[in-house]
């Protein structure tokens, strides 16, 4: 006869495997900087924009492209938020959660 804890762990693991979402995977990025150096109304102004094209692959293997066109300050804000998210993954609580999820699998 199997222990009750082993059976419960097995049921939880099977349930998680069936309900897990598959996220798209990073394939590549292309970028360029576009810069407007002035217009008739606004002379001697510079407005740089960053255009990025992200390629991802989903669970079925189909590729898709995502475009992002933003100014420098918005790009800096996005970078800051991504760095904060990465730092949160390195906290004790996150590592403990990941360890417990890995035990279930």
C-alpha atoms as a PDB file:
ATOM      1  CA  UNK A   1       0.000   0.000   0.000  1.00  0.00           C
ATOM      2  CA  UNK A   2       1.294   3.450  -0.923  1.00  0.00           C
ATOM      3  CA  UNK A   3       1.661   6.208   1.655  1.00  0.00           C
ATOM      4  CA  UNK A   4      -1.080   8.827   1.633  1.00  0.00           C
ATOM      5  CA  UNK A   5       1.389  11.729   1.256  1.00  0.00           C
ATOM      6  CA  UNK A   6       2.922  10.201  -1.865  1.00  0.00           C
ATOM      7  CA  UNK A   7      -0.522   9.827  -3.425  1.00  0.00           C
ATOM      8  CA  UNK A   8      -1.496  13.429  -2.578  1.00  0.00           C
ATOM      9  CA  UNK A   9       1.771  14.738  -4.023  1.00  0.00           C
ATOM     10  CA  UNK A  10       1.206  12.705  -7.181  1.00  0.00           C
ATOM     11  CA  UNK A  11      -2.349  14.060  -7.584  1.00  0.00           C
ATOM     12  CA  UNK A  12      -1.134  17.650  -7.083  1.00  0.00           C
ATOM     13  CA  UNK A  13       1.663  17.160  -9.595  1.00  0.00           C
ATOM     14  CA  UNK A  14      -0.689  15.674 -12.197  1.00  0.00           C
ATOM     15  CA  UNK A  15      -3.151  18.528 -11.680  1.00  0.00           C
ATOM     16  CA  UNK A  16      -0.409  21.150 -12.076  1.00  0.00           C
ATOM     17  CA  UNK A  17       0.888  19.515 -15.254  1.00  0.00           C
ATOM     18  CA  UNK A  18      -2.581  19.583 -16.797  1.00  0.00           C
ATOM     19  CA  UNK A  19      -3.328  23.201 -15.843  1.00  0.00           C
ATOM     20  CA  UNK A  20       0.075  24.766 -16.518  1.00  0.00           C
ATOM     21  CA  UNK A  21       0.135  27.576 -19.067  1.00  0.00           C
ATOM     22  CA  UNK A  22       2.865  27.507 -21.668  1.00  0.00           C
ATOM     23  CA  UNK A  23       4.438  30.881 -22.257  1.00  0.00           C
ATOM     24  CA  UNK A  24       5.968  31.929 -25.586  1.00  0.00           C
ATOM     25  CA  UNK A  25       9.731  31.560 -25.773  1.00  0.00           C
ATOM     26  CA  UNK A  26      12.141  34.293 -26.831  1.00  0.00           C
ATOM     27  CA  UNK A  27      13.485  33.894 -30.350  1.00  0.00           C
ATOM     28  CA  UNK A  28      15.296  37.152 -31.095  1.00  0.00           C
ATOM     29  CA  UNK A  29      15.128  40.925 -31.201  1.00  0.00           C
ATOM     30  CA  UNK A  30      15.932  43.511 -33.847  1.00  0.00           C
ATOM     31  CA  UNK A  31      16.045  47.220 -33.069  1.00  0.00           C
ATOM     32  CA  UNK A  32      16.740  50.584 -34.607  1.00  0.00           C
ATOM     33  CA  UNK A  33      16.780  54.197 -33.464  1.00  0.00           C
ATOM     34  CA  UNK A  34      14.684  56.702 -35.397  1.00  0.00           C
ATOM     35  CA  UNK A  35      15.351  60.362 -34.842  1.00  0.00           C
ATOM     36  CA  UNK A  36      13.336  63.389 -36.028  1.00  0.00           C
ATOM     37  CA  UNK A  37      15.591  66.415 -36.124  1.00  0.00           C
ATOM     38  CA  UNK A  38      13.003  69.108 -36.628  1.00  0.00           C
ATOM     39  CA  UNK A  39       9.941  70.279 -38.513  1.00  0.00           C
ATOM     40  CA  UNK A  40       8.585  73.532 -39.887  1.00  0.00           C
ATOM     41  CA  UNK A  41       6.841  74.369 -36.651  1.00  0.00           C
ATOM     42  CA  UNK A  42       9.522  73.155 -34.251  1.00  0.00           C
ATOM     43  CA  UNK A  43      12.987  73.950 -35.451  1.00  0.00           C
ATOM     44  CA  UNK A  44      16.121  72.635 -33.747  1.00  0.00           C
ATOM     45  CA  UNK A  45      14.323  69.886 -31.845  1.00  0.00           C
ATOM     46  CA  UNK A  46      15.368  66.255 -31.614  1.00  0.00           C
ATOM     47  CA  UNK A  47      12.925  63.475 -30.766  1.00  0.00           C
ATOM     48  CA  UNK A  48      14.524  60.017 -30.763  1.00  0.00           C
ATOM     49  CA  UNK A  49      12.398  56.846 -30.859  1.00  0.00           C
ATOM     50  CA  UNK A  50      13.439  53.229 -30.445  1.00  0.00           C
ATOM     51  CA  UNK A  51      11.736  50.630 -32.635  1.00  0.00           C
ATOM     52  CA  UNK A  52      12.082  46.971 -31.589  1.00  0.00           C
ATOM     53  CA  UNK A  53      10.807  43.815 -33.253  1.00  0.00           C
ATOM     54  CA  UNK A  54      10.581  40.741 -30.971  1.00  0.00           C
ATOM     55  CA  UNK A  55      10.295  37.202 -32.318  1.00  0.00           C
ATOM     56  CA  UNK A  56       8.701  34.529 -30.114  1.00  0.00           C
ATOM     57  CA  UNK A  57       7.805  30.864 -30.533  1.00  0.00           C
ATOM     58  CA  UNK A  58       4.748  29.317 -28.862  1.00  0.00           C
ATOM     59  CA  UNK A  59       4.239  25.730 -27.644  1.00  0.00           C
ATOM     60  CA  UNK A  60       3.044  24.548 -31.083  1.00  0.00           C
ATOM     61  CA  UNK A  61       6.209  25.876 -32.742  1.00  0.00           C
ATOM     62  CA  UNK A  62       4.645  28.770 -34.657  1.00  0.00           C
ATOM     63  CA  UNK A  63       6.621  32.009 -34.705  1.00  0.00           C
ATOM     64  CA  UNK A  64       5.113  35.432 -34.144  1.00  0.00           C
ATOM     65  CA  UNK A  65       6.486  38.961 -34.221  1.00  0.00           C
ATOM     66  CA  UNK A  66       5.719  41.758 -31.775  1.00  0.00           C
ATOM     67  CA  UNK A  67       6.585  45.410 -32.397  1.00  0.00           C
ATOM     68  CA  UNK A  68       7.348  48.112 -29.846  1.00  0.00           C
ATOM     69  CA  UNK A  69       7.893  51.737 -30.801  1.00  0.00           C
ATOM     70  CA  UNK A  70       8.625  54.074 -27.870  1.00  0.00           C
ATOM     71  CA  UNK A  71      10.665  57.065 -26.828  1.00  0.00           C
ATOM     72  CA  UNK A  72      13.831  56.834 -24.743  1.00  0.00           C
ATOM     73  CA  UNK A  73      12.186  57.643 -21.394  1.00  0.00           C
ATOM     74  CA  UNK A  74       9.538  54.926 -21.855  1.00  0.00           C
ATOM     75  CA  UNK A  75      12.234  52.411 -22.790  1.00  0.00           C
ATOM     76  CA  UNK A  76      14.187  53.344 -19.649  1.00  0.00           C
ATOM     77  CA  UNK A  77      11.025  52.846 -17.556  1.00  0.00           C
ATOM     78  CA  UNK A  78      10.402  49.397 -19.106  1.00  0.00           C
ATOM     79  CA  UNK A  79      14.028  48.430 -18.445  1.00  0.00           C
ATOM     80  CA  UNK A  80      13.731  49.540 -14.819  1.00  0.00           C
ATOM     81  CA  UNK A  81      10.556  47.485 -14.269  1.00  0.00           C
ATOM     82  CA  UNK A  82      12.128  44.386 -15.839  1.00  0.00           C
ATOM     83  CA  UNK A  83      15.193  44.746 -13.603  1.00  0.00           C
ATOM     84  CA  UNK A  84      12.919  45.026 -10.542  1.00  0.00           C
ATOM     85  CA  UNK A  85      11.080  41.857 -11.580  1.00  0.00           C
ATOM     86  CA  UNK A  86      14.396  40.049 -11.990  1.00  0.00           C
ATOM     87  CA  UNK A  87      15.498  41.146  -8.513  1.00  0.00           C
ATOM     88  CA  UNK A  88      12.216  39.890  -7.042  1.00  0.00           C
ATOM     89  CA  UNK A  89      12.911  36.452  -8.515  1.00  0.00           C
ATOM     90  CA  UNK A  90      16.141  36.359  -6.527  1.00  0.00           C
ATOM     91  CA  UNK A  91      14.437  36.920  -3.150  1.00  0.00           C
ATOM     92  CA  UNK A  92      14.219  34.184  -0.535  1.00  0.00           C
ATOM     93  CA  UNK A  93      10.444  33.900  -0.859  1.00  0.00           C
ATOM     94  CA  UNK A  94      10.603  33.354  -4.631  1.00  0.00           C
ATOM     95  CA  UNK A  95      13.377  30.765  -4.349  1.00  0.00           C
ATOM     96  CA  UNK A  96      11.419  28.919  -1.656  1.00  0.00           C
ATOM     97  CA  UNK A  97       8.312  28.904  -3.867  1.00  0.00           C
ATOM     98  CA  UNK A  98      10.276  27.604  -6.862  1.00  0.00           C
ATOM     99  CA  UNK A  99      11.854  24.852  -4.756  1.00  0.00           C
ATOM    100  CA  UNK A 100       8.448  23.685  -3.534  1.00  0.00           C
ATOM    101  CA  UNK A 101       7.060  23.697  -7.078  1.00  0.00           C
ATOM    102  CA  UNK A 102      10.042  21.684  -8.313  1.00  0.00           C
ATOM    103  CA  UNK A 103       9.374  19.048  -5.641  1.00  0.00           C
ATOM    104  CA  UNK A 104       5.836  18.606  -6.983  1.00  0.00           C
ATOM    105  CA  UNK A 105       7.018  18.047 -10.531  1.00  0.00           C
END
